[in-house]
Amino acid sequence: MEKSLAALAAYQISNFFQANGPTTQAECDDRAQSITGQPATPTRLQGGSSYTVLAGNQVVQFRTPSASLDLEFLGHVHTAYAGVMPLPSDEGRLGELCVYSMPDVGGVSMYLARDSLYADGCSLLRRTLADFARFFASAWHKTPATLPQPDRAALQSKYLTQLQQLKAGFPPRFGSVLQQLIPRIKDITANNWRLVPNHGDLLENNIHVDALTGALTGVCDWADTQTSPFGMSVGEIENLLGIPKAANKQTGRNEHTYHANHGELRALFYDELYRAIGGASPYDRERIEDARLLGLFFMYGWRFDGDGNQLPAGEDDASLHHLDAVLRATCDGFH
């Protein structure tokens, strides 16, 4: 795994500087050292629109102008997830690149901690799941009133339009779940349901843990965060309950493969989530479930054509394979 990750990171770094010259990797490393006073080394996981280095106990990131960060908005997000989200600071520019520094969240990405987390019936993963539940509950309690709020009526209209588009374009087996969800969108966009900042990419590489204890140390890459109904990112817990994109010998496809005890682990997570938000009524639980489904459909239900148009995913799309596996595991009657 380490060799393949190193090769991927080297490839991403090379592509980044080829596309964003004339600034060089060496110039970025020197700038990071001047900011932190410590030598800089590339992080083991990189992104497509940034170059990230670790320098002492600080992370310095160089981003393209099109991927610049909204620091005012991220300040509100930091309040909602205090202690887990690293707050970036503006360090100016290097050539055309935007430069940011932030505290290192520590630990390692879940992707690199799989062996320890999954050993002994996922014993350490239990700690991760409990911490992850409290991570979501933090937004329930701490989202500041100053967070800019979208218009709820416009949000409801947008969601309904997109769900109808998915229903029309999806394979028929998804129709019953969508048909039940559509009339309930009004409940999660109502004035009495919290709108919170939801992370847009809660995959293993963005979740950092202590590999010795399973404790959550931080969550990275908040650039795609959106203000939306509480619960819309909760469905990403499924990425912790199995191995995404594992090869299925029967179908020949890369599919989400669950741990044998995923049902028990999922129950542990939701029990802690309901406890951490201060007790959830049956109606609260229904709305969390509806928001979870909405988030899953929007995260994995789309594909983009060659012209960049957003279209419903089809049977050949890996994202639909993932959505199918998650719904089979979590929705009664889906088959």
C-alpha atoms as a PDB file:
ATOM      1  CA  MET A   1       0.000   0.000   0.000  1.00  0.00           C
ATOM      2  CA  GLU A   2       2.785   2.436   0.933  1.00  0.00           C
ATOM      3  CA  LYS A   3       4.490   2.030  -2.461  1.00  0.00           C
ATOM      4  CA  SER A   4       1.285   2.581  -4.399  1.00  0.00           C
ATOM      5  CA  LEU A   5       0.405   5.653  -2.317  1.00  0.00           C
ATOM      6  CA  ALA A   6       3.888   7.091  -2.806  1.00  0.00           C
ATOM      7  CA  ALA A   7       3.597   6.570  -6.557  1.00  0.00           C
ATOM      8  CA  LEU A   8       0.164   8.206  -6.628  1.00  0.00           C
ATOM      9  CA  ALA A   9       1.373  11.192  -4.591  1.00  0.00           C
ATOM     10  CA  ALA A  10       4.399  11.647  -6.868  1.00  0.00           C
ATOM     11  CA  TYR A  11       2.121  11.524  -9.906  1.00  0.00           C
ATOM     12  CA  GLN A  12      -0.295  14.087  -8.425  1.00  0.00           C
ATOM     13  CA  ILE A  13       2.540  16.421  -7.417  1.00  0.00           C
ATOM     14  CA  SER A  14       4.095  16.230 -10.876  1.00  0.00           C
ATOM     15  CA  ASN A  15       0.770  16.966 -12.550  1.00  0.00           C
ATOM     16  CA  PHE A  16       0.049  19.847 -10.175  1.00  0.00           C
ATOM     17  CA  PHE A  17       3.266  21.704 -10.968  1.00  0.00           C
ATOM     18  CA  GLN A  18       3.079  20.968 -14.685  1.00  0.00           C
ATOM     19  CA  ALA A  19      -0.352  22.586 -14.731  1.00  0.00           C
ATOM     20  CA  ASN A  20       0.481  25.466 -12.386  1.00  0.00           C
ATOM     21  CA  GLY A  21       3.959  26.621 -13.328  1.00  0.00           C
ATOM     22  CA  PRO A  22       6.202  28.470 -13.322  1.00  0.00           C
ATOM     23  CA  THR A  23       6.118  28.072  -9.519  1.00  0.00           C
ATOM     24  CA  THR A  24       8.128  24.964  -8.582  1.00  0.00           C
ATOM     25  CA  GLN A  25       7.882  22.367  -5.843  1.00  0.00           C
ATOM     26  CA  ALA A  26      11.199  23.558  -4.391  1.00  0.00           C
ATOM     27  CA  GLU A  27       9.885  27.126  -4.174  1.00  0.00           C
ATOM     28  CA  CYS A  28       6.795  25.888  -2.336  1.00  0.00           C
ATOM     29  CA  ASP A  29       8.922  23.878   0.092  1.00  0.00           C
ATOM     30  CA  ASP A  30      11.101  26.929   0.760  1.00  0.00           C
ATOM     31  CA  ARG A  31       8.024  29.095   1.353  1.00  0.00           C
ATOM     32  CA  ALA A  32       6.632  26.541   3.810  1.00  0.00           C
ATOM     33  CA  GLN A  33       9.918  26.521   5.712  1.00  0.00           C
ATOM     34  CA  SER A  34       9.954  30.322   5.860  1.00  0.00           C
ATOM     35  CA  ILE A  35       6.425  30.273   7.328  1.00  0.00           C
ATOM     36  CA  THR A  36       7.020  27.565   9.933  1.00  0.00           C
ATOM     37  CA  GLY A  37      10.756  27.646  10.555  1.00  0.00           C
ATOM     38  CA  GLN A  38      10.832  23.902   9.898  1.00  0.00           C
ATOM     39  CA  PRO A  39      11.867  21.849   6.845  1.00  0.00           C
ATOM     40  CA  ALA A  40       8.940  20.774   4.690  1.00  0.00           C
ATOM     41  CA  THR A  41       8.124  17.328   3.338  1.00  0.00           C
ATOM     42  CA  PRO A  42       5.166  16.403   1.110  1.00  0.00           C
ATOM     43  CA  THR A  43       2.296  14.683   2.910  1.00  0.00           C
ATOM     44  CA  ARG A  44       1.695  11.066   1.944  1.00  0.00           C
ATOM     45  CA  LEU A  45      -1.736  11.885   0.519  1.00  0.00           C
ATOM     46  CA  GLN A  46      -2.136  14.698  -1.995  1.00  0.00           C
ATOM     47  CA  GLY A  47      -5.027  16.242  -3.911  1.00  0.00           C
ATOM     48  CA  GLY A  48      -5.679  17.204  -7.490  1.00  0.00           C
ATOM     49  CA  SER A  49      -5.900  20.984  -7.000  1.00  0.00           C
ATOM     50  CA  SER A  50      -3.326  21.508  -4.251  1.00  0.00           C
ATOM     51  CA  TYR A  51       0.155  20.652  -3.021  1.00  0.00           C
ATOM     52  CA  THR A  52       0.420  19.943   0.708  1.00  0.00           C
ATOM     53  CA  VAL A  53       3.482  19.696   2.942  1.00  0.00           C
ATOM     54  CA  LEU A  54       4.104  18.976   6.604  1.00  0.00           C
ATOM     55  CA  ALA A  55       6.544  21.301   8.363  1.00  0.00           C
ATOM     56  CA  GLY A  56       6.982  20.632  12.069  1.00  0.00           C
ATOM     57  CA  ASN A  57       3.523  20.677  13.628  1.00  0.00           C
ATOM     58  CA  GLN A  58       2.063  22.758  10.803  1.00  0.00           C
ATOM     59  CA  VAL A  59       0.584  21.854   7.437  1.00  0.00           C
ATOM     60  CA  VAL A  60       1.147  24.295   4.583  1.00  0.00           C
ATOM     61  CA  GLN A  61      -1.003  24.003   1.486  1.00  0.00           C
ATOM     62  CA  PHE A  62      -0.638  25.612  -1.931  1.00  0.00           C
ATOM     63  CA  ARG A  63      -3.923  25.808  -3.842  1.00  0.00           C
ATOM     64  CA  THR A  64      -4.891  26.966  -7.300  1.00  0.00           C
ATOM     65  CA  PRO A  65      -6.873  30.236  -7.420  1.00  0.00           C
ATOM     66  CA  SER A  66      -9.986  28.328  -8.500  1.00  0.00           C
ATOM     67  CA  ALA A  67      -9.664  26.223  -5.333  1.00  0.00           C
ATOM     68  CA  SER A  68      -9.023  29.086  -2.895  1.00  0.00           C
ATOM     69  CA  LEU A  69     -10.580  28.808   0.563  1.00  0.00           C
ATOM     70  CA  ASP A  70     -13.387  30.941   2.000  1.00  0.00           C
ATOM     71  CA  LEU A  71     -11.721  31.614   5.342  1.00  0.00           C
ATOM     72  CA  GLU A  72     -14.657  33.533   6.825  1.00  0.00           C
ATOM     73  CA  PHE A  73     -16.992  30.611   6.161  1.00  0.00           C
ATOM     74  CA  LEU A  74     -14.421  28.107   7.437  1.00  0.00           C
ATOM     75  CA  GLY A  75     -14.207  30.110  10.655  1.00  0.00           C
ATOM     76  CA  HIS A  76     -17.884  29.298  11.269  1.00  0.00           C
ATOM     77  CA  VAL A  77     -17.199  25.662  10.400  1.00  0.00           C
ATOM     78  CA  HIS A  78     -14.349  25.577  12.899  1.00  0.00           C
ATOM     79  CA  THR A  79     -16.710  26.767  15.626  1.00  0.00           C
ATOM     80  CA  ALA A  80     -19.102  23.923  14.798  1.00  0.00           C
ATOM     81  CA  TYR A  81     -16.356  21.290  14.865  1.00  0.00           C
ATOM     82  CA  ALA A  82     -13.914  22.752  17.375  1.00  0.00           C
ATOM     83  CA  GLY A  83     -11.078  20.399  18.248  1.00  0.00           C
ATOM     84  CA  VAL A  84     -11.448  18.295  15.100  1.00  0.00           C
ATOM     85  CA  MET A  85     -11.179  20.755  12.209  1.00  0.00           C
ATOM     86  CA  PRO A  86      -7.835  22.504  11.580  1.00  0.00           C
ATOM     87  CA  LEU A  87      -8.475  26.217  11.008  1.00  0.00           C
ATOM     88  CA  PRO A  88      -6.457  27.522   8.027  1.00  0.00           C
ATOM     89  CA  SER A  89      -4.692  30.879   7.999  1.00  0.00           C
ATOM     90  CA  ASP A  90      -4.011  33.015   4.937  1.00  0.00           C
ATOM     91  CA  GLU A  91      -0.292  33.142   4.131  1.00  0.00           C
ATOM     92  CA  GLY A  92      -0.597  35.186   0.945  1.00  0.00           C
ATOM     93  CA  ARG A  93       0.437  34.005  -2.486  1.00  0.00           C
ATOM     94  CA  LEU A  94       3.364  32.348  -4.187  1.00  0.00           C
ATOM     95  CA  GLY A  95       3.106  33.223  -7.840  1.00  0.00           C
ATOM     96  CA  GLU A  96      -0.492  32.406  -8.727  1.00  0.00           C
ATOM     97  CA  LEU A  97      -0.894  29.884  -5.907  1.00  0.00           C
ATOM     98  CA  CYS A  98      -2.838  30.674  -2.725  1.00  0.00           C
ATOM     99  CA  VAL A  99      -0.899  29.712   0.401  1.00  0.00           C
ATOM    100  CA  TYR A 100      -2.478  28.534   3.665  1.00  0.00           C
ATOM    101  CA  SER A 101      -1.133  27.155   6.922  1.00  0.00           C
ATOM    102  CA  MET A 102      -3.001  25.136   9.537  1.00  0.00           C
ATOM    103  CA  PRO A 103      -2.232  22.918  12.535  1.00  0.00           C
ATOM    104  CA  ASP A 104      -1.380  19.299  11.834  1.00  0.00           C
ATOM    105  CA  VAL A 105      -4.284  17.172  13.107  1.00  0.00           C
ATOM    106  CA  GLY A 106      -1.898  14.334  13.951  1.00  0.00           C
ATOM    107  CA  GLY A 107      -2.538  10.638  13.624  1.00  0.00           C
ATOM    108  CA  VAL A 108      -2.711   8.998  10.219  1.00  0.00           C
ATOM    109  CA  SER A 109      -5.475   8.733   7.664  1.00  0.00           C
ATOM    110  CA  MET A 110      -7.876   5.844   8.171  1.00  0.00           C
ATOM    111  CA  TYR A 111      -6.707   4.498   4.834  1.00  0.00           C
ATOM    112  CA  LEU A 112      -3.243   3.962   6.329  1.00  0.00           C
ATOM    113  CA  ALA A 113      -4.592   2.642   9.649  1.00  0.00           C
ATOM    114  CA  ARG A 114      -6.835  -0.077   8.234  1.00  0.00           C
ATOM    115  CA  ASP A 115      -4.785  -3.005   9.535  1.00  0.00           C
ATOM    116  CA  SER A 116      -4.879  -1.850  13.158  1.00  0.00           C
ATOM    117  CA  LEU A 117      -8.491  -0.612  13.074  1.00  0.00           C
ATOM    118  CA  TYR A 118      -9.848  -3.798  11.526  1.00  0.00           C
ATOM    119  CA  ALA A 119      -7.923  -6.275  13.708  1.00  0.00           C
ATOM    120  CA  ASP A 120      -9.660  -8.353  16.402  1.00  0.00           C
ATOM    121  CA  GLY A 121     -13.172  -7.864  15.075  1.00  0.00           C
ATOM    122  CA  CYS A 122     -12.628  -4.113  14.530  1.00  0.00           C
ATOM    123  CA  SER A 123     -11.983  -3.500  18.230  1.00  0.00           C
ATOM    124  CA  LEU A 124     -10.174  -0.169  17.683  1.00  0.00           C
ATOM    125  CA  LEU A 125     -12.724   0.889  15.077  1.00  0.00           C
ATOM    126  CA  ARG A 126     -15.318   0.989  17.848  1.00  0.00           C
ATOM    127  CA  ARG A 127     -13.488   3.946  19.389  1.00  0.00           C
ATOM    128  CA  THR A 128     -13.316   5.643  15.990  1.00  0.00           C
ATOM    129  CA  LEU A 129     -17.044   5.194  15.450  1.00  0.00           C
ATOM    130  CA  ALA A 130     -17.946   6.589  18.870  1.00  0.00           C
ATOM    131  CA  ASP A 131     -15.701   9.606  18.290  1.00  0.00           C
ATOM    132  CA  PHE A 132     -17.173  10.046  14.818  1.00  0.00           C
ATOM    133  CA  ALA A 133     -20.679  10.116  16.287  1.00  0.00           C
ATOM    134  CA  ARG A 134     -19.591  12.863  18.681  1.00  0.00           C
ATOM    135  CA  PHE A 135     -18.011  14.672  15.726  1.00  0.00           C
ATOM    136  CA  PHE A 136     -21.420  14.911  14.030  1.00  0.00           C
ATOM    137  CA  ALA A 137     -23.133  15.846  17.290  1.00  0.00           C
ATOM    138  CA  SER A 138     -20.721  18.755  17.699  1.00  0.00           C
ATOM    139  CA  ALA A 139     -22.366  20.493  14.731  1.00  0.00           C
ATOM    140  CA  TRP A 140     -25.801  19.847  16.256  1.00  0.00           C
ATOM    141  CA  HIS A 141     -24.791  21.741  19.399  1.00  0.00           C
ATOM    142  CA  LYS A 142     -22.145  24.236  18.257  1.00  0.00           C
ATOM    143  CA  THR A 143     -23.062  25.534  14.807  1.00  0.00           C
ATOM    144  CA  PRO A 144     -22.987  29.313  15.333  1.00  0.00           C
ATOM    145  CA  ALA A 145     -25.999  31.504  14.677  1.00  0.00           C
ATOM    146  CA  THR A 146     -23.708  33.644  12.502  1.00  0.00           C
ATOM    147  CA  LEU A 147     -23.299  30.845   9.928  1.00  0.00           C
ATOM    148  CA  PRO A 148     -24.802  32.120   6.643  1.00  0.00           C
ATOM    149  CA  GLN A 149     -28.032  30.224   6.013  1.00  0.00           C
ATOM    150  CA  PRO A 150     -29.448  29.333   2.593  1.00  0.00           C
ATOM    151  CA  ASP A 151     -33.096  30.078   1.865  1.00  0.00           C
ATOM    152  CA  ARG A 152     -34.982  26.997   3.028  1.00  0.00           C
ATOM    153  CA  ALA A 153     -37.696  27.212   0.379  1.00  0.00           C
ATOM    154  CA  ALA A 154     -35.074  27.435  -2.365  1.00  0.00           C
ATOM    155  CA  LEU A 155     -33.196  24.538  -0.798  1.00  0.00           C
ATOM    156  CA  GLN A 156     -36.333  22.399  -0.743  1.00  0.00           C
ATOM    157  CA  SER A 157     -37.109  23.224  -4.372  1.00  0.00           C
ATOM    158  CA  LYS A 158     -33.552  22.380  -5.437  1.00  0.00           C
ATOM    159  CA  TYR A 159     -33.562  19.037  -3.617  1.00  0.00           C
ATOM    160  CA  LEU A 160     -36.950  18.021  -5.018  1.00  0.00           C
ATOM    161  CA  THR A 161     -35.909  18.872  -8.569  1.00  0.00           C
ATOM    162  CA  GLN A 162     -32.716  16.840  -8.261  1.00  0.00           C
ATOM    163  CA  LEU A 163     -34.453  13.856  -6.670  1.00  0.00           C
ATOM    164  CA  GLN A 164     -37.039  13.805  -9.449  1.00  0.00           C
ATOM    165  CA  GLN A 165     -34.194  13.877 -11.962  1.00  0.00           C
ATOM    166  CA  LEU A 166     -32.551  10.908 -10.247  1.00  0.00           C
ATOM    167  CA  LYS A 167     -35.829   9.010 -10.055  1.00  0.00           C
ATOM    168  CA  ALA A 168     -36.391   9.469 -13.778  1.00  0.00           C
ATOM    169  CA  GLY A 169     -32.861   8.415 -14.716  1.00  0.00           C
ATOM    170  CA  PHE A 170     -32.040   5.662 -12.213  1.00  0.00           C
ATOM    171  CA  PRO A 171     -32.580   1.923 -12.646  1.00  0.00           C
ATOM    172  CA  PRO A 172     -36.103   1.000 -11.417  1.00  0.00           C
ATOM    173  CA  ARG A 173     -34.952  -0.697  -8.191  1.00  0.00           C
ATOM    174  CA  PHE A 174     -34.142   2.720  -6.672  1.00  0.00           C
ATOM    175  CA  GLY A 175     -37.626   4.066  -7.343  1.00  0.00           C
ATOM    176  CA  SER A 176     -39.314   2.926  -4.135  1.00  0.00           C
ATOM    177  CA  VAL A 177     -36.711   4.532  -1.862  1.00  0.00           C
ATOM    178  CA  LEU A 178     -36.828   7.786  -3.808  1.00  0.00           C
ATOM    179  CA  GLN A 179     -40.628   7.765  -3.906  1.00  0.00           C
ATOM    180  CA  GLN A 180     -40.765   7.518  -0.119  1.00  0.00           C
ATOM    181  CA  LEU A 181     -38.058  10.140   0.382  1.00  0.00           C
ATOM    182  CA  ILE A 182     -39.392  12.862  -1.916  1.00  0.00           C
ATOM    183  CA  PRO A 183     -42.474  13.871   0.156  1.00  0.00           C
ATOM    184  CA  ARG A 184     -40.372  13.983   3.333  1.00  0.00           C
ATOM    185  CA  ILE A 185     -37.902  16.591   2.081  1.00  0.00           C
ATOM    186  CA  LYS A 186     -40.157  19.290   3.523  1.00  0.00           C
ATOM    187  CA  ASP A 187     -39.430  17.920   7.011  1.00  0.00           C
ATOM    188  CA  ILE A 188     -35.638  18.319   6.800  1.00  0.00           C
ATOM    189  CA  THR A 189     -35.834  21.774   5.221  1.00  0.00           C
ATOM    190  CA  ALA A 190     -38.376  23.029   7.775  1.00  0.00           C
ATOM    191  CA  ASN A 191     -37.501  25.894  10.119  1.00  0.00           C
ATOM    192  CA  ASN A 192     -37.367  23.562  13.124  1.00  0.00           C
ATOM    193  CA  TRP A 193     -34.588  21.375  11.706  1.00  0.00           C
ATOM    194  CA  ARG A 194     -30.961  22.462  12.055  1.00  0.00           C
ATOM    195  CA  LEU A 195     -28.894  23.549   9.075  1.00  0.00           C
ATOM    196  CA  VAL A 196     -25.220  22.824   9.751  1.00  0.00           C
ATOM    197  CA  PRO A 197     -21.942  22.816   7.822  1.00  0.00           C
ATOM    198  CA  ASN A 198     -21.646  19.344   6.276  1.00  0.00           C
ATOM    199  CA  HIS A 199     -18.279  18.064   5.084  1.00  0.00           C
ATOM    200  CA  GLY A 200     -18.440  17.212   1.394  1.00  0.00           C
ATOM    201  CA  ASP A 201     -15.874  14.419   1.211  1.00  0.00           C
ATOM    202  CA  LEU A 202     -15.742  12.238   4.328  1.00  0.00           C
ATOM    203  CA  LEU A 203     -13.619   9.491   2.832  1.00  0.00           C
ATOM    204  CA  GLU A 204     -10.915   7.496   4.595  1.00  0.00           C
ATOM    205  CA  ASN A 205      -8.078   9.728   3.410  1.00  0.00           C
ATOM    206  CA  ASN A 206      -9.635  12.794   5.100  1.00  0.00           C
ATOM    207  CA  ILE A 207     -10.302  11.139   8.473  1.00  0.00           C
ATOM    208  CA  HIS A 208      -7.262  10.938  10.765  1.00  0.00           C
ATOM    209  CA  VAL A 209      -7.011   8.564  13.718  1.00  0.00           C
ATOM    210  CA  ASP A 210      -4.516   7.396  16.313  1.00  0.00           C
ATOM    211  CA  ALA A 211      -3.520   4.003  14.927  1.00  0.00           C
ATOM    212  CA  LEU A 212      -2.761   2.701  18.442  1.00  0.00           C
ATOM    213  CA  THR A 213      -6.099   3.596  20.054  1.00  0.00           C
ATOM    214  CA  GLY A 214      -8.550   4.278  17.220  1.00  0.00           C
ATOM    215  CA  ALA A 215      -9.236   7.779  18.579  1.00  0.00           C
ATOM    216  CA  LEU A 216     -10.292  10.397  16.027  1.00  0.00           C
ATOM    217  CA  THR A 217      -7.577  13.064  15.825  1.00  0.00           C
ATOM    218  CA  GLY A 218      -9.007  15.285  13.108  1.00  0.00           C
ATOM    219  CA  VAL A 219     -10.815  15.680   9.807  1.00  0.00           C
ATOM    220  CA  CYS A 220      -9.135  17.355   6.833  1.00  0.00           C
ATOM    221  CA  ASP A 221     -10.088  18.940   3.494  1.00  0.00           C
ATOM    222  CA  TRP A 222     -13.103  21.128   4.268  1.00  0.00           C
ATOM    223  CA  ALA A 223     -13.038  23.029   0.972  1.00  0.00           C
ATOM    224  CA  ASP A 224     -16.310  21.523  -0.304  1.00  0.00           C
ATOM    225  CA  THR A 225     -18.295  22.032   2.904  1.00  0.00           C
ATOM    226  CA  GLN A 226     -21.889  23.170   2.425  1.00  0.00           C
ATOM    227  CA  THR A 227     -24.591  24.397   4.773  1.00  0.00           C
ATOM    228  CA  SER A 228     -27.393  21.848   4.603  1.00  0.00           C
ATOM    229  CA  PRO A 229     -29.743  19.829   6.842  1.00  0.00           C
ATOM    230  CA  PHE A 230     -28.205  18.034   9.797  1.00  0.00           C
ATOM    231  CA  GLY A 231     -27.618  14.403   8.893  1.00  0.00           C
ATOM    232  CA  MET A 232     -26.754  14.817   5.224  1.00  0.00           C
ATOM    233  CA  SER A 233     -23.166  13.666   5.756  1.00  0.00           C
ATOM    234  CA  VAL A 234     -23.992  10.947   8.306  1.00  0.00           C
ATOM    235  CA  GLY A 235     -24.260   8.359   5.524  1.00  0.00           C
ATOM    236  CA  GLU A 236     -20.506   8.555   5.038  1.00  0.00           C
ATOM    237  CA  ILE A 237     -20.217   6.379   8.153  1.00  0.00           C
ATOM    238  CA  GLU A 238     -20.684   3.469   5.742  1.00  0.00           C
ATOM    239  CA  ASN A 239     -17.141   4.094   4.473  1.00  0.00           C
ATOM    240  CA  LEU A 240     -15.909   3.149   7.954  1.00  0.00           C
ATOM    241  CA  LEU A 241     -17.972  -0.039   8.123  1.00  0.00           C
ATOM    242  CA  GLY A 242     -16.323  -1.780   5.201  1.00  0.00           C
ATOM    243  CA  ILE A 243     -13.660  -1.561   2.545  1.00  0.00           C
ATOM    244  CA  PRO A 244     -14.629   0.680  -0.377  1.00  0.00           C
ATOM    245  CA  LYS A 245     -13.819  -0.567  -3.866  1.00  0.00           C
ATOM    246  CA  ALA A 246     -12.817  -4.081  -2.829  1.00  0.00           C
ATOM    247  CA  ALA A 247     -12.756  -6.553  -5.709  1.00  0.00           C
ATOM    248  CA  ASN A 248     -15.815  -8.806  -5.887  1.00  0.00           C
ATOM    249  CA  LYS A 249     -14.691 -12.152  -7.313  1.00  0.00           C
ATOM    250  CA  GLN A 250     -18.206 -13.065  -8.455  1.00  0.00           C
ATOM    251  CA  THR A 251     -19.099  -9.901 -10.353  1.00  0.00           C
ATOM    252  CA  GLY A 252     -15.603  -8.724 -11.267  1.00  0.00           C
ATOM    253  CA  ARG A 253     -16.540  -5.224 -10.085  1.00  0.00           C
ATOM    254  CA  ASN A 254     -14.970  -3.089  -7.400  1.00  0.00           C
ATOM    255  CA  GLU A 255     -17.657  -2.884  -4.725  1.00  0.00           C
ATOM    256  CA  HIS A 256     -18.115  -1.813  -1.136  1.00  0.00           C
ATOM    257  CA  THR A 257     -17.415  -4.880   1.020  1.00  0.00           C
ATOM    258  CA  TYR A 258     -18.736  -4.703   4.586  1.00  0.00           C
ATOM    259  CA  HIS A 259     -17.108  -6.083   7.717  1.00  0.00           C
ATOM    260  CA  ALA A 260     -18.831  -9.205   9.033  1.00  0.00           C
ATOM    261  CA  ASN A 261     -20.079  -7.317  12.111  1.00  0.00           C
ATOM    262  CA  HIS A 262     -21.086  -4.112  10.309  1.00  0.00           C
ATOM    263  CA  GLY A 263     -24.611  -4.230  11.756  1.00  0.00           C
ATOM    264  CA  GLU A 264     -23.332  -4.223  15.322  1.00  0.00           C
ATOM    265  CA  LEU A 265     -20.832  -1.457  14.534  1.00  0.00           C
ATOM    266  CA  ARG A 266     -23.488   0.671  12.848  1.00  0.00           C
ATOM    267  CA  ALA A 267     -25.775   0.315  15.868  1.00  0.00           C
ATOM    268  CA  LEU A 268     -22.912   1.420  18.125  1.00  0.00           C
ATOM    269  CA  PHE A 269     -22.452   4.560  16.031  1.00  0.00           C
ATOM    270  CA  TYR A 270     -26.123   5.547  15.997  1.00  0.00           C
ATOM    271  CA  ASP A 271     -26.610   4.828  19.689  1.00  0.00           C
ATOM    272  CA  GLU A 272     -23.753   7.203  20.474  1.00  0.00           C
ATOM    273  CA  LEU A 273     -24.993   9.807  17.980  1.00  0.00           C
ATOM    274  CA  TYR A 274     -28.470   9.888  19.520  1.00  0.00           C
ATOM    275  CA  ARG A 275     -26.972  10.070  23.009  1.00  0.00           C
ATOM    276  CA  ALA A 276     -24.523  12.822  22.052  1.00  0.00           C
ATOM    277  CA  ILE A 277     -27.151  15.125  20.547  1.00  0.00           C
ATOM    278  CA  GLY A 278     -29.020  14.939  23.826  1.00  0.00           C
ATOM    279  CA  GLY A 279     -31.621  12.328  23.098  1.00  0.00           C
ATOM    280  CA  ALA A 280     -33.353  11.972  19.757  1.00  0.00           C
ATOM    281  CA  SER A 281     -37.116  11.630  19.473  1.00  0.00           C
ATOM    282  CA  PRO A 282     -38.546   9.134  16.959  1.00  0.00           C
ATOM    283  CA  TYR A 283     -39.266  12.090  14.658  1.00  0.00           C
ATOM    284  CA  ASP A 284     -35.682  13.334  15.007  1.00  0.00           C
ATOM    285  CA  ARG A 285     -34.425   9.879  14.055  1.00  0.00           C
ATOM    286  CA  GLU A 286     -36.684   9.803  11.009  1.00  0.00           C
ATOM    287  CA  ARG A 287     -35.347  13.153   9.866  1.00  0.00           C
ATOM    288  CA  ILE A 288     -31.734  12.082  10.397  1.00  0.00           C
ATOM    289  CA  GLU A 289     -32.474   9.015   8.273  1.00  0.00           C
ATOM    290  CA  ASP A 290     -34.102  11.102   5.535  1.00  0.00           C
ATOM    291  CA  ALA A 291     -31.151  13.510   5.504  1.00  0.00           C
ATOM    292  CA  ARG A 292     -28.758  10.541   5.404  1.00  0.00           C
ATOM    293  CA  LEU A 293     -30.495   9.138   2.325  1.00  0.00           C
ATOM    294  CA  LEU A 294     -30.560  12.527   0.632  1.00  0.00           C
ATOM    295  CA  GLY A 295     -26.833  12.930   1.213  1.00  0.00           C
ATOM    296  CA  LEU A 296     -26.096   9.450  -0.136  1.00  0.00           C
ATOM    297  CA  PHE A 297     -28.139  10.003  -3.301  1.00  0.00           C
ATOM    298  CA  PHE A 298     -26.443  13.327  -3.971  1.00  0.00           C
ATOM    299  CA  MET A 299     -22.950  11.999  -3.167  1.00  0.00           C
ATOM    300  CA  TYR A 300     -23.106   8.811  -5.226  1.00  0.00           C
ATOM    301  CA  GLY A 301     -26.035   9.286  -7.586  1.00  0.00           C
ATOM    302  CA  TRP A 302     -24.464  11.541 -10.194  1.00  0.00           C
ATOM    303  CA  ARG A 303     -22.031  11.269 -13.059  1.00  0.00           C
ATOM    304  CA  PHE A 304     -20.708  13.923 -15.438  1.00  0.00           C
ATOM    305  CA  ASP A 305     -20.620  13.637 -19.208  1.00  0.00           C
ATOM    306  CA  GLY A 306     -17.844  14.905 -21.460  1.00  0.00           C
ATOM    307  CA  ASP A 307     -19.317  18.400 -21.448  1.00  0.00           C
ATOM    308  CA  GLY A 308     -19.495  18.582 -17.658  1.00  0.00           C
ATOM    309  CA  ASN A 309     -23.254  18.076 -17.446  1.00  0.00           C
ATOM    310  CA  GLN A 310     -24.525  16.399 -14.265  1.00  0.00           C
ATOM    311  CA  LEU A 311     -26.557  13.279 -15.050  1.00  0.00           C
ATOM    312  CA  PRO A 312     -27.939  10.350 -13.042  1.00  0.00           C
ATOM    313  CA  ALA A 313     -25.347   7.603 -12.595  1.00  0.00           C
ATOM    314  CA  GLY A 314     -25.847   4.387 -14.533  1.00  0.00           C
ATOM    315  CA  GLU A 315     -25.159   0.703 -14.031  1.00  0.00           C
ATOM    316  CA  ASP A 316     -21.585   1.070 -15.294  1.00  0.00           C
ATOM    317  CA  ASP A 317     -20.686   3.748 -12.733  1.00  0.00           C
ATOM    318  CA  ALA A 318     -18.740   2.728  -9.625  1.00  0.00           C
ATOM    319  CA  SER A 319     -20.586   5.339  -7.572  1.00  0.00           C
ATOM    320  CA  LEU A 320     -23.903   3.603  -8.266  1.00  0.00           C
ATOM    321  CA  HIS A 321     -22.378   0.255  -7.260  1.00  0.00           C
ATOM    322  CA  HIS A 322     -21.449   1.848  -3.920  1.00  0.00           C
ATOM    323  CA  LEU A 323     -24.898   3.371  -3.441  1.00  0.00           C
ATOM    324  CA  ASP A 324     -26.490   0.027  -4.261  1.00  0.00           C
ATOM    325  CA  ALA A 325     -24.361  -1.772  -1.649  1.00  0.00           C
ATOM    326  CA  VAL A 326     -25.135   0.813   1.042  1.00  0.00           C
ATOM    327  CA  LEU A 327     -28.887   0.765   0.424  1.00  0.00           C
ATOM    328  CA  ARG A 328     -28.951  -3.041   0.455  1.00  0.00           C
ATOM    329  CA  ALA A 329     -27.275  -2.977   3.861  1.00  0.00           C
ATOM    330  CA  THR A 330     -29.325  -0.186   5.424  1.00  0.00           C
ATOM    331  CA  CYS A 331     -32.763   0.064   3.774  1.00  0.00           C
ATOM    332  CA  ASP A 332     -35.390  -2.590   4.447  1.00  0.00           C
ATOM    333  CA  GLY A 333     -37.075  -3.704   1.267  1.00  0.00           C
ATOM    334  CA  PHE A 334     -34.379  -2.468  -1.115  1.00  0.00           C
ATOM    335  CA  HIS A 335     -33.215  -5.251  -3.419  1.00  0.00           C
END
